[in-house]
Amino acid sequence: MGLTSEQVHWIGGSAFVLVALALIAYESGTWQRPWLRWSLPVLLVAYALESFADLWVHGAAQPLDYGPESAQHLLQGAAVLIAGVVEALRLRERLRAAAFGLVLPAALLVVAGVFWWHAQHDAGVAPDLLMAQHRAFAISLTVAALARALSLIPRLAERGFALAWLLPLLVFGLQLLVYTEQPGPMHAGH
């Protein structure tokens, strides 16, 4: 496909923003379309497939020294694929045990961990910028995971946690949308 790393982040960010907004609308009672609930497992499975196809998605635009990152993307993909399938089975009421609700927070924590320790490819920009962006992703996903886990407690779900976990997920999507590998004005010409 030949997409740059930035383009992949922006496409992913768009998907996360759309799904987070759709689920916020659903959970808040603003837009009560039952199919909206399916956007989460679809997003997770799509994210997994993109992670597995990452080398193909980048094609000739694949960054140099991309091996360690590619391995991390496979780990992310496996975690979110499992979570997507479990969430779909929970929606179909095939998995009813409350413990299955913890699969999504666990997957979000795996992805957050990958972002926290993300291998950085040479993007021609200060590695500190890339690291700061990925750590911000990790923080947003960690908060989302913890809030999602707390939302499984009925008393907390009634107090808004069923909706609250979607806010850091939305922030994560927005962070992906502003992701950059371009040198800022202070770095121009260096």
Protein backbone atom coordinates (compact mmCIF):
# COMPACT_ATOMS: atom_id res chain seq x y z
CA MET A 1 0.00 0.00 0.00
CA GLY A 2 2.90 2.34 0.60
CA LEU A 3 1.43 4.27 3.55
CA THR A 4 3.80 6.22 5.76
CA SER A 5 3.89 5.66 9.49
CA GLU A 6 2.14 9.00 9.99
CA GLN A 7 -0.66 8.06 7.60
CA VAL A 8 -1.22 4.75 9.39
CA HIS A 9 -1.46 6.59 12.73
CA TRP A 10 -3.91 9.13 11.25
CA ILE A 11 -6.16 6.45 9.78
CA GLY A 12 -6.16 4.59 13.08
CA GLY A 13 -6.85 7.81 14.94
CA SER A 14 -9.84 8.52 12.73
CA ALA A 15 -11.26 5.07 13.43
CA PHE A 16 -10.76 5.37 17.20
CA VAL A 17 -12.31 8.84 17.29
CA LEU A 18 -15.36 7.72 15.29
CA VAL A 19 -15.92 4.61 17.42
CA ALA A 20 -15.35 6.45 20.71
CA LEU A 21 -17.83 9.18 19.68
CA ALA A 22 -20.38 6.59 18.50
CA LEU A 23 -20.11 4.68 21.77
CA ILE A 24 -20.28 7.88 23.83
CA ALA A 25 -23.48 8.75 21.95
CA TYR A 26 -24.84 5.26 22.60
CA GLU A 27 -23.87 5.05 26.29
CA SER A 28 -25.17 8.56 27.00
CA GLY A 29 -28.51 7.72 25.41
CA THR A 30 -28.06 10.34 22.69
CA TRP A 31 -28.10 7.87 19.80
CA GLN A 32 -29.59 4.50 20.72
CA ARG A 33 -28.83 2.36 17.68
CA PRO A 34 -28.03 -1.20 18.85
CA TRP A 35 -25.55 -1.73 16.01
CA LEU A 36 -23.33 0.97 17.51
CA ARG A 37 -22.31 -1.50 20.20
CA TRP A 38 -20.71 -3.62 17.47
CA SER A 39 -18.35 -0.82 16.48
CA LEU A 40 -15.97 -1.71 19.31
CA PRO A 41 -15.35 -5.36 18.38
CA VAL A 42 -15.15 -4.38 14.71
CA LEU A 43 -12.56 -1.69 15.54
CA LEU A 44 -10.51 -4.12 17.63
CA VAL A 45 -10.49 -6.82 14.94
CA ALA A 46 -9.66 -4.24 12.24
CA TYR A 47 -6.82 -2.88 14.40
CA ALA A 48 -5.52 -6.43 14.81
CA LEU A 49 -5.65 -7.11 11.08
CA GLU A 50 -3.82 -3.86 10.35
CA SER A 51 -1.19 -4.77 12.95
CA PHE A 52 -0.69 -8.18 11.33
CA ALA A 53 -0.50 -6.62 7.85
CA ASP A 54 1.72 -3.74 8.95
CA LEU A 55 4.64 -4.58 6.67
CA TRP A 56 2.31 -4.83 3.69
CA VAL A 57 0.51 -1.61 4.66
CA HIS A 58 3.81 0.27 4.62
CA GLY A 59 5.18 -1.48 1.54
CA ALA A 60 8.01 0.53 0.04
CA ALA A 61 7.40 3.28 2.61
CA GLN A 62 8.41 0.90 5.41
CA PRO A 63 10.93 2.62 7.67
CA LEU A 64 14.46 1.29 7.93
CA ASP A 65 15.29 -0.73 11.07
CA TYR A 66 11.61 -1.68 11.41
CA GLY A 67 12.01 -5.26 12.70
CA PRO A 68 11.60 -4.61 16.45
CA GLU A 69 8.56 -2.37 15.85
CA SER A 70 7.01 -4.96 13.58
CA ALA A 71 7.30 -7.63 16.30
CA GLN A 72 5.62 -5.27 18.77
CA HIS A 73 2.79 -4.65 16.31
CA LEU A 74 2.19 -8.41 16.13
CA LEU A 75 1.89 -8.53 19.94
CA GLN A 76 -0.58 -5.63 19.86
CA GLY A 77 -2.52 -7.30 17.09
CA ALA A 78 -2.82 -10.58 19.00
CA ALA A 79 -4.04 -8.79 22.15
CA VAL A 80 -6.70 -6.72 20.39
CA LEU A 81 -7.82 -9.63 18.20
CA ILE A 82 -8.54 -11.70 21.29
CA ALA A 83 -10.32 -8.74 22.90
CA GLY A 84 -12.37 -8.08 19.75
CA VAL A 85 -13.52 -11.68 19.49
CA VAL A 86 -14.34 -11.83 23.21
CA GLU A 87 -16.28 -8.54 23.03
CA ALA A 88 -18.25 -9.85 20.03
CA LEU A 89 -19.05 -13.06 21.89
CA ARG A 90 -20.09 -11.05 24.94
CA LEU A 91 -22.44 -8.96 22.79
CA ARG A 92 -23.94 -12.17 21.37
CA GLU A 93 -24.24 -13.36 24.98
CA ARG A 94 -22.12 -16.43 24.27
CA LEU A 95 -19.66 -15.45 27.03
CA ARG A 96 -21.60 -14.44 30.12
CA ALA A 97 -19.09 -14.84 32.92
CA ALA A 98 -18.10 -11.46 34.33
CA ALA A 99 -14.41 -12.37 34.09
CA PHE A 100 -14.59 -12.15 30.28
CA GLY A 101 -15.17 -8.42 30.72
CA LEU A 102 -11.57 -8.14 31.91
CA VAL A 103 -10.17 -9.29 28.56
CA LEU A 104 -10.58 -5.85 26.97
CA PRO A 105 -8.86 -3.95 29.81
CA ALA A 106 -6.06 -6.53 29.75
CA ALA A 107 -5.65 -6.08 25.98
CA LEU A 108 -5.61 -2.30 26.37
CA LEU A 109 -2.87 -2.67 29.00
CA VAL A 110 -0.84 -4.88 26.63
CA VAL A 111 -1.13 -2.25 23.88
CA ALA A 112 -0.27 0.48 26.40
CA GLY A 113 2.81 -1.48 27.46
CA VAL A 114 3.91 -1.85 23.87
CA PHE A 115 3.52 1.90 23.36
CA TRP A 116 5.41 2.62 26.60
CA TRP A 117 8.39 0.53 25.48
CA HIS A 118 7.86 1.04 21.76
CA ALA A 119 10.89 0.51 19.57
CA GLN A 120 11.46 3.61 17.46
CA HIS A 121 12.44 3.55 13.82
CA ASP A 122 14.63 6.23 12.32
CA ALA A 123 12.17 8.89 11.22
CA GLY A 124 14.61 11.76 10.76
CA VAL A 125 13.17 13.48 13.83
CA ALA A 126 14.30 13.56 17.44
CA PRO A 127 13.66 10.15 19.03
CA ASP A 128 12.45 12.00 22.13
CA LEU A 129 9.47 13.34 20.16
CA LEU A 130 8.49 9.86 19.01
CA MET A 131 8.97 8.45 22.49
CA ALA A 132 6.88 11.22 24.08
CA GLN A 133 4.04 10.63 21.63
CA HIS A 134 4.05 6.88 22.22
CA ARG A 135 4.16 7.33 25.98
CA ALA A 136 1.17 9.67 25.76
CA PHE A 137 -0.64 6.88 23.86
CA ALA A 138 0.31 4.49 26.66
CA ILE A 139 -1.04 6.77 29.37
CA SER A 140 -4.37 7.27 27.59
CA LEU A 141 -4.80 3.54 27.03
CA THR A 142 -3.85 2.74 30.64
CA VAL A 143 -6.48 5.16 31.94
CA ALA A 144 -9.03 3.69 29.50
CA ALA A 145 -8.17 0.14 30.65
CA LEU A 146 -8.50 0.97 34.34
CA ALA A 147 -11.77 2.86 33.83
CA ARG A 148 -13.14 0.00 31.71
CA ALA A 149 -12.22 -2.51 34.42
CA LEU A 150 -13.93 -0.34 37.04
CA SER A 151 -17.00 -0.08 34.82
CA LEU A 152 -17.53 -3.81 35.34
CA ILE A 153 -18.42 -3.13 38.97
CA PRO A 154 -22.20 -2.54 38.86
CA ARG A 155 -22.22 0.35 41.36
CA LEU A 156 -19.51 2.16 39.41
CA ALA A 157 -21.13 1.45 36.05
CA GLU A 158 -24.24 3.20 37.33
CA ARG A 159 -22.11 6.20 38.30
CA GLY A 160 -20.85 6.78 34.80
CA PHE A 161 -17.88 4.46 34.39
CA ALA A 162 -19.64 2.71 31.51
CA LEU A 163 -19.21 6.01 29.68
CA ALA A 164 -16.08 7.35 31.36
CA TRP A 165 -13.67 4.81 29.90
CA LEU A 166 -14.53 6.05 26.42
CA LEU A 167 -13.09 9.52 27.09
CA PRO A 168 -9.45 8.38 27.33
CA LEU A 169 -10.12 6.14 24.32
CA LEU A 170 -11.26 9.27 22.46
CA VAL A 171 -8.12 11.09 23.64
CA PHE A 172 -6.03 8.20 22.30
CA GLY A 173 -7.70 8.58 18.91
CA LEU A 174 -7.07 12.32 18.93
CA GLN A 175 -3.43 11.73 19.83
CA LEU A 176 -3.09 9.42 16.84
CA LEU A 177 -4.58 12.14 14.63
CA VAL A 178 -1.91 14.65 15.63
CA TYR A 179 0.96 12.14 15.53
CA THR A 180 3.91 13.48 13.59
CA GLU A 181 7.31 12.39 12.44
CA GLN A 182 8.09 15.79 10.96
CA PRO A 183 10.71 18.03 12.49
CA GLY A 184 9.19 21.08 14.11
CA PRO A 185 10.12 24.66 13.18
CA MET A 186 12.93 24.66 15.74
CA HIS A 187 14.51 21.61 14.06
CA ALA A 188 14.21 22.83 10.48
CA GLY A 189 17.59 22.85 8.79
CA HIS A 190 19.31 20.74 11.45
